[in-house]
């Protein structure tokens, strides 16, 4: 987002991301904490499926980018972290993530270091 950008925010409840082939592309910012990652991880998998299908078959979906901000006490409590890193590698520039830890006491593994902020 840039200054004065319009954004839509949704908290809780039933939510989903189901773009249709003729829809304009949107850039998603997904924000999760702890186990709240579950529905957002499903959205990321759906986006990855659409990107993969788009690259392989040339479908008509116009997809923007997806940026995930995900917070937990420490890196061991970041669910699906290896899967998320895999999605970022598979779709660079299309899917990205920033992990935030609040109470990390141990060394952060090298694979996660570039994507982790916090203590």
N, C-alpha and C. Protein backbone atom coordinates (compact mmCIF):
# COMPACT_ATOMS: atom_id res chain seq x y z
N UNK A 1 0.84 -1.19 0.00
CA UNK A 1 0.00 0.00 0.00
C UNK A 1 0.88 1.24 0.00
N UNK A 2 0.35 2.27 -0.51
CA UNK A 2 1.02 3.56 -0.47
C UNK A 2 0.12 4.54 0.28
N UNK A 3 0.68 5.66 0.63
CA UNK A 3 -0.08 6.68 1.33
C UNK A 3 -1.36 6.99 0.57
N UNK A 4 -2.46 7.04 1.27
CA UNK A 4 -3.79 7.31 0.72
C UNK A 4 -4.39 6.16 -0.09
N UNK A 5 -3.78 4.96 -0.01
CA UNK A 5 -4.37 3.80 -0.69
C UNK A 5 -5.64 3.38 0.03
N UNK A 6 -6.59 2.88 -0.72
CA UNK A 6 -7.80 2.34 -0.13
C UNK A 6 -7.58 0.87 0.15
N UNK A 7 -7.91 0.43 1.36
CA UNK A 7 -7.78 -0.97 1.73
C UNK A 7 -9.08 -1.44 2.36
N UNK A 8 -9.34 -2.72 2.25
CA UNK A 8 -10.49 -3.33 2.92
C UNK A 8 -9.93 -4.24 3.99
N UNK A 9 -10.57 -4.26 5.15
CA UNK A 9 -10.11 -5.05 6.28
C UNK A 9 -11.25 -5.90 6.78
N UNK A 10 -10.95 -7.15 7.05
CA UNK A 10 -11.98 -8.04 7.56
C UNK A 10 -11.40 -8.80 8.73
N UNK A 11 -12.11 -8.86 9.84
CA UNK A 11 -11.66 -9.54 11.04
C UNK A 11 -12.69 -10.57 11.44
N UNK A 12 -12.24 -11.81 11.62
CA UNK A 12 -13.11 -12.86 12.12
C UNK A 12 -14.21 -13.26 11.16
N UNK A 13 -15.02 -14.22 11.61
CA UNK A 13 -16.16 -14.65 10.82
C UNK A 13 -15.78 -15.56 9.66
N UNK A 14 -16.76 -15.81 8.80
CA UNK A 14 -16.53 -16.63 7.61
C UNK A 14 -15.95 -15.74 6.53
N UNK A 15 -14.80 -16.10 6.02
CA UNK A 15 -14.22 -15.32 4.93
C UNK A 15 -13.45 -16.24 4.00
N UNK A 16 -13.28 -15.78 2.77
CA UNK A 16 -12.65 -16.58 1.74
C UNK A 16 -12.13 -15.66 0.66
N UNK A 17 -11.31 -16.23 -0.22
CA UNK A 17 -10.82 -15.50 -1.39
C UNK A 17 -11.10 -16.38 -2.59
N UNK A 18 -12.01 -15.95 -3.43
CA UNK A 18 -12.41 -16.75 -4.58
C UNK A 18 -12.52 -15.86 -5.81
N UNK A 19 -11.38 -15.45 -6.38
CA UNK A 19 -11.45 -14.59 -7.56
C UNK A 19 -12.01 -15.35 -8.76
N UNK A 20 -12.73 -14.63 -9.57
CA UNK A 20 -13.30 -15.22 -10.78
C UNK A 20 -12.44 -14.80 -11.97
N UNK A 21 -12.46 -15.57 -13.05
CA UNK A 21 -11.58 -15.29 -14.19
C UNK A 21 -11.63 -13.86 -14.72
N UNK A 22 -12.75 -13.20 -14.72
CA UNK A 22 -12.84 -11.85 -15.26
C UNK A 22 -12.56 -10.74 -14.27
N UNK A 23 -12.33 -11.08 -13.00
CA UNK A 23 -12.10 -10.06 -11.97
C UNK A 23 -10.77 -9.34 -12.18
N UNK A 24 -10.73 -8.09 -11.75
CA UNK A 24 -9.47 -7.34 -11.77
C UNK A 24 -8.54 -7.93 -10.70
N UNK A 25 -7.24 -7.89 -10.94
CA UNK A 25 -6.31 -8.43 -9.94
C UNK A 25 -6.32 -7.58 -8.67
N UNK A 26 -6.18 -8.23 -7.54
CA UNK A 26 -6.08 -7.54 -6.26
C UNK A 26 -4.81 -8.01 -5.55
N UNK A 27 -4.23 -7.11 -4.80
CA UNK A 27 -3.10 -7.46 -3.96
C UNK A 27 -3.62 -7.71 -2.55
N UNK A 28 -3.30 -8.87 -1.99
CA UNK A 28 -3.79 -9.24 -0.67
C UNK A 28 -2.71 -9.02 0.38
N UNK A 29 -3.12 -8.50 1.53
CA UNK A 29 -2.29 -8.45 2.72
C UNK A 29 -3.02 -9.27 3.76
N UNK A 30 -2.42 -10.38 4.16
CA UNK A 30 -3.03 -11.29 5.12
C UNK A 30 -2.27 -11.17 6.45
N UNK A 31 -3.00 -11.00 7.55
CA UNK A 31 -2.38 -10.80 8.85
C UNK A 31 -2.91 -11.87 9.80
N UNK A 32 -1.98 -12.63 10.40
CA UNK A 32 -2.38 -13.72 11.28
C UNK A 32 -1.51 -13.75 12.54
N UNK A 33 -2.08 -14.27 13.59
CA UNK A 33 -1.36 -14.50 14.83
C UNK A 33 -1.67 -15.89 15.34
N UNK A 34 -0.64 -16.62 15.72
CA UNK A 34 -0.82 -17.96 16.28
C UNK A 34 -1.59 -18.89 15.38
N UNK A 35 -2.60 -19.58 15.95
CA UNK A 35 -3.38 -20.54 15.18
C UNK A 35 -4.34 -19.86 14.22
N UNK A 36 -4.43 -18.54 14.27
CA UNK A 36 -5.25 -17.80 13.32
C UNK A 36 -4.74 -17.92 11.89
N UNK A 37 -3.61 -18.58 11.71
CA UNK A 37 -3.03 -18.79 10.38
C UNK A 37 -3.86 -19.79 9.57
N UNK A 38 -4.60 -20.67 10.22
CA UNK A 38 -5.28 -21.76 9.51
C UNK A 38 -6.09 -21.31 8.29
N UNK A 39 -7.06 -20.42 8.42
CA UNK A 39 -7.82 -20.04 7.22
C UNK A 39 -6.97 -19.26 6.22
N UNK A 40 -6.01 -18.49 6.70
CA UNK A 40 -5.18 -17.71 5.78
C UNK A 40 -4.21 -18.60 5.02
N UNK A 41 -3.75 -19.68 5.66
CA UNK A 41 -2.90 -20.62 4.95
C UNK A 41 -3.69 -21.29 3.82
N UNK A 42 -4.96 -21.58 4.07
CA UNK A 42 -5.81 -22.14 3.00
C UNK A 42 -5.94 -21.17 1.84
N UNK A 43 -6.06 -19.88 2.15
CA UNK A 43 -6.12 -18.86 1.09
C UNK A 43 -4.81 -18.84 0.32
N UNK A 44 -3.68 -18.91 1.03
CA UNK A 44 -2.38 -18.94 0.33
C UNK A 44 -2.26 -20.15 -0.59
N UNK A 45 -2.71 -21.30 -0.12
CA UNK A 45 -2.67 -22.50 -0.97
C UNK A 45 -3.55 -22.33 -2.21
N UNK A 46 -4.70 -21.70 -2.04
CA UNK A 46 -5.58 -21.44 -3.18
C UNK A 46 -4.91 -20.50 -4.18
N UNK A 47 -4.28 -19.46 -3.67
CA UNK A 47 -3.55 -18.52 -4.54
C UNK A 47 -2.44 -19.23 -5.28
N UNK A 48 -1.70 -20.09 -4.57
CA UNK A 48 -0.63 -20.85 -5.21
C UNK A 48 -1.18 -21.77 -6.30
N UNK A 49 -2.31 -22.41 -6.02
CA UNK A 49 -2.94 -23.26 -7.03
C UNK A 49 -3.30 -22.45 -8.27
N UNK A 50 -3.88 -21.27 -8.06
CA UNK A 50 -4.26 -20.43 -9.19
C UNK A 50 -3.03 -19.95 -9.97
N UNK A 51 -1.97 -19.57 -9.25
CA UNK A 51 -0.73 -19.16 -9.93
C UNK A 51 -0.16 -20.33 -10.73
N UNK A 52 -0.14 -21.51 -10.12
CA UNK A 52 0.38 -22.70 -10.81
C UNK A 52 -0.45 -23.05 -12.02
N UNK A 53 -1.75 -22.96 -11.88
CA UNK A 53 -2.64 -23.25 -13.00
C UNK A 53 -2.47 -22.20 -14.09
N UNK A 54 -2.31 -20.96 -13.67
CA UNK A 54 -2.14 -19.86 -14.62
C UNK A 54 -0.87 -20.04 -15.44
N UNK A 55 0.21 -20.43 -14.76
CA UNK A 55 1.48 -20.62 -15.47
C UNK A 55 1.44 -21.84 -16.37
N UNK A 56 0.79 -22.92 -15.89
CA UNK A 56 0.78 -24.16 -16.65
C UNK A 56 -0.24 -24.20 -17.77
N UNK A 57 -1.38 -23.59 -17.58
CA UNK A 57 -2.46 -23.74 -18.54
C UNK A 57 -2.91 -22.43 -19.19
N UNK A 58 -2.42 -21.32 -18.68
CA UNK A 58 -2.84 -20.05 -19.25
C UNK A 58 -4.28 -19.70 -18.95
N UNK A 59 -4.70 -19.89 -17.70
CA UNK A 59 -6.10 -19.58 -17.39
C UNK A 59 -6.33 -18.07 -17.40
N UNK A 60 -7.56 -17.67 -17.20
CA UNK A 60 -7.94 -16.27 -17.34
C UNK A 60 -7.93 -15.50 -16.02
N UNK A 61 -7.51 -16.13 -14.93
CA UNK A 61 -7.44 -15.42 -13.66
C UNK A 61 -6.31 -14.40 -13.71
N UNK A 62 -6.61 -13.20 -13.27
CA UNK A 62 -5.60 -12.15 -13.16
C UNK A 62 -5.31 -11.98 -11.68
N UNK A 63 -4.13 -12.42 -11.27
CA UNK A 63 -3.81 -12.43 -9.85
C UNK A 63 -2.80 -11.35 -9.51
N UNK A 64 -3.00 -10.73 -8.36
CA UNK A 64 -2.04 -9.78 -7.82
C UNK A 64 -1.07 -10.53 -6.92
N UNK A 65 -0.53 -9.81 -5.97
CA UNK A 65 0.42 -10.41 -5.03
C UNK A 65 -0.28 -10.73 -3.71
N UNK A 66 0.32 -11.61 -2.94
CA UNK A 66 -0.17 -11.94 -1.60
C UNK A 66 0.99 -11.79 -0.63
N UNK A 67 0.80 -10.98 0.39
CA UNK A 67 1.81 -10.75 1.43
C UNK A 67 1.22 -11.18 2.76
N UNK A 68 1.88 -12.11 3.43
CA UNK A 68 1.43 -12.61 4.72
C UNK A 68 2.29 -12.03 5.82
N UNK A 69 1.65 -11.49 6.84
CA UNK A 69 2.32 -11.08 8.08
C UNK A 69 1.81 -12.02 9.15
N UNK A 70 2.74 -12.75 9.77
CA UNK A 70 2.35 -13.81 10.68
C UNK A 70 3.17 -13.71 11.95
N UNK A 71 2.51 -13.62 13.10
CA UNK A 71 3.17 -13.42 14.38
C UNK A 71 2.90 -14.59 15.33
N UNK A 72 3.94 -14.91 16.14
CA UNK A 72 3.81 -15.91 17.19
C UNK A 72 4.85 -15.59 18.26
N UNK A 73 4.79 -16.31 19.37
CA UNK A 73 5.76 -16.08 20.45
C UNK A 73 7.18 -16.36 19.99
N UNK A 74 7.36 -17.47 19.28
CA UNK A 74 8.69 -17.85 18.80
C UNK A 74 8.54 -18.66 17.51
N UNK A 75 9.64 -18.93 16.88
CA UNK A 75 9.58 -19.60 15.57
C UNK A 75 9.04 -21.03 15.66
N UNK A 76 9.19 -21.66 16.82
CA UNK A 76 8.64 -23.02 16.93
C UNK A 76 7.11 -23.01 16.93
N UNK A 77 6.50 -21.87 17.24
CA UNK A 77 5.04 -21.77 17.24
C UNK A 77 4.47 -21.25 15.91
N UNK A 78 5.33 -21.00 14.94
CA UNK A 78 4.87 -20.59 13.61
C UNK A 78 4.42 -21.83 12.85
N UNK A 79 3.13 -22.02 12.73
CA UNK A 79 2.60 -23.19 12.03
C UNK A 79 2.81 -23.04 10.52
N UNK A 80 3.01 -24.13 9.84
CA UNK A 80 3.14 -24.18 8.38
C UNK A 80 4.34 -23.37 7.85
N UNK A 81 5.31 -23.04 8.69
CA UNK A 81 6.41 -22.16 8.23
C UNK A 81 7.17 -22.77 7.06
N UNK A 82 7.44 -24.05 7.09
CA UNK A 82 8.17 -24.67 5.97
C UNK A 82 7.33 -24.65 4.69
N UNK A 83 6.04 -24.87 4.83
CA UNK A 83 5.14 -24.82 3.67
C UNK A 83 5.09 -23.40 3.10
N UNK A 84 5.02 -22.40 3.99
CA UNK A 84 4.96 -21.01 3.55
C UNK A 84 6.26 -20.63 2.84
N UNK A 85 7.40 -21.05 3.39
CA UNK A 85 8.68 -20.79 2.72
C UNK A 85 8.71 -21.45 1.35
N UNK A 86 8.14 -22.65 1.24
CA UNK A 86 8.07 -23.34 -0.05
C UNK A 86 7.23 -22.58 -1.06
N UNK A 87 6.11 -22.01 -0.61
CA UNK A 87 5.27 -21.22 -1.52
C UNK A 87 6.01 -19.97 -1.99
N UNK A 88 6.76 -19.36 -1.07
CA UNK A 88 7.51 -18.16 -1.44
C UNK A 88 8.58 -18.49 -2.49
N UNK A 89 9.22 -19.65 -2.33
CA UNK A 89 10.24 -20.07 -3.31
C UNK A 89 9.61 -20.43 -4.65
N UNK A 90 8.45 -21.05 -4.60
CA UNK A 90 7.78 -21.48 -5.83
C UNK A 90 7.21 -20.31 -6.62
N UNK A 91 6.80 -19.25 -5.91
CA UNK A 91 6.17 -18.10 -6.57
C UNK A 91 6.82 -16.79 -6.09
N UNK A 92 8.10 -16.61 -6.40
CA UNK A 92 8.79 -15.40 -5.95
C UNK A 92 8.17 -14.14 -6.55
N UNK A 93 8.02 -13.13 -5.70
CA UNK A 93 7.41 -11.89 -6.15
C UNK A 93 5.90 -11.92 -6.17
N UNK A 94 5.32 -13.11 -6.03
CA UNK A 94 3.86 -13.25 -6.04
C UNK A 94 3.33 -13.56 -4.64
N UNK A 95 4.08 -14.40 -3.91
CA UNK A 95 3.72 -14.74 -2.54
C UNK A 95 4.92 -14.44 -1.66
N UNK A 96 4.70 -13.64 -0.61
CA UNK A 96 5.79 -13.31 0.31
C UNK A 96 5.26 -13.34 1.74
N UNK A 97 6.18 -13.39 2.69
CA UNK A 97 5.79 -13.49 4.08
C UNK A 97 6.82 -12.80 4.97
N UNK A 98 6.32 -12.20 6.02
CA UNK A 98 7.16 -11.65 7.08
C UNK A 98 6.67 -12.26 8.39
N UNK A 99 7.54 -13.05 9.02
CA UNK A 99 7.21 -13.63 10.31
C UNK A 99 7.65 -12.66 11.40
N UNK A 100 6.87 -12.55 12.46
CA UNK A 100 7.24 -11.70 13.60
C UNK A 100 7.15 -12.54 14.86
N UNK A 101 8.23 -12.55 15.62
CA UNK A 101 8.24 -13.29 16.89
C UNK A 101 8.40 -12.30 18.03
N UNK A 102 7.72 -12.57 19.13
CA UNK A 102 7.71 -11.63 20.26
C UNK A 102 8.54 -12.08 21.44
N UNK A 103 8.79 -13.39 21.57
CA UNK A 103 9.52 -13.88 22.74
C UNK A 103 10.56 -14.93 22.37
N UNK A 104 11.25 -14.75 21.27
CA UNK A 104 12.25 -15.71 20.82
C UNK A 104 13.44 -15.69 21.76
N UNK A 105 13.82 -16.85 22.29
CA UNK A 105 14.97 -16.95 23.20
C UNK A 105 16.16 -17.65 22.54
N UNK A 106 15.88 -18.46 21.56
CA UNK A 106 16.94 -19.24 20.91
C UNK A 106 17.29 -18.65 19.56
N UNK A 107 18.36 -19.18 18.98
CA UNK A 107 18.82 -18.75 17.65
C UNK A 107 17.76 -19.10 16.61
N UNK A 108 17.56 -18.22 15.65
CA UNK A 108 16.62 -18.45 14.56
C UNK A 108 17.37 -19.15 13.44
N UNK A 109 16.79 -20.22 12.89
CA UNK A 109 17.46 -20.97 11.83
C UNK A 109 17.70 -20.07 10.62
N UNK A 110 18.77 -20.37 9.88
CA UNK A 110 19.18 -19.52 8.75
C UNK A 110 18.11 -19.39 7.69
N UNK A 111 17.34 -20.44 7.48
CA UNK A 111 16.30 -20.41 6.45
C UNK A 111 15.23 -19.36 6.76
N UNK A 112 14.92 -19.19 8.05
CA UNK A 112 13.89 -18.24 8.47
C UNK A 112 14.42 -16.83 8.69
N UNK A 113 15.70 -16.69 9.02
CA UNK A 113 16.26 -15.39 9.41
C UNK A 113 15.89 -14.23 8.51
N UNK A 114 15.97 -14.36 7.19
CA UNK A 114 15.65 -13.19 6.35
C UNK A 114 14.19 -12.76 6.43
N UNK A 115 13.34 -13.62 6.96
CA UNK A 115 11.90 -13.34 6.96
C UNK A 115 11.34 -13.04 8.35
N UNK A 116 12.22 -13.02 9.38
CA UNK A 116 11.76 -12.86 10.77
C UNK A 116 12.15 -11.50 11.32
N UNK A 117 11.19 -10.87 11.98
CA UNK A 117 11.45 -9.63 12.73
C UNK A 117 11.05 -9.89 14.18
N UNK A 118 11.43 -9.00 15.04
CA UNK A 118 11.06 -9.11 16.45
C UNK A 118 12.26 -9.41 17.30
N UNK A 119 12.01 -9.92 18.50
CA UNK A 119 13.07 -10.18 19.48
C UNK A 119 13.78 -11.48 19.19
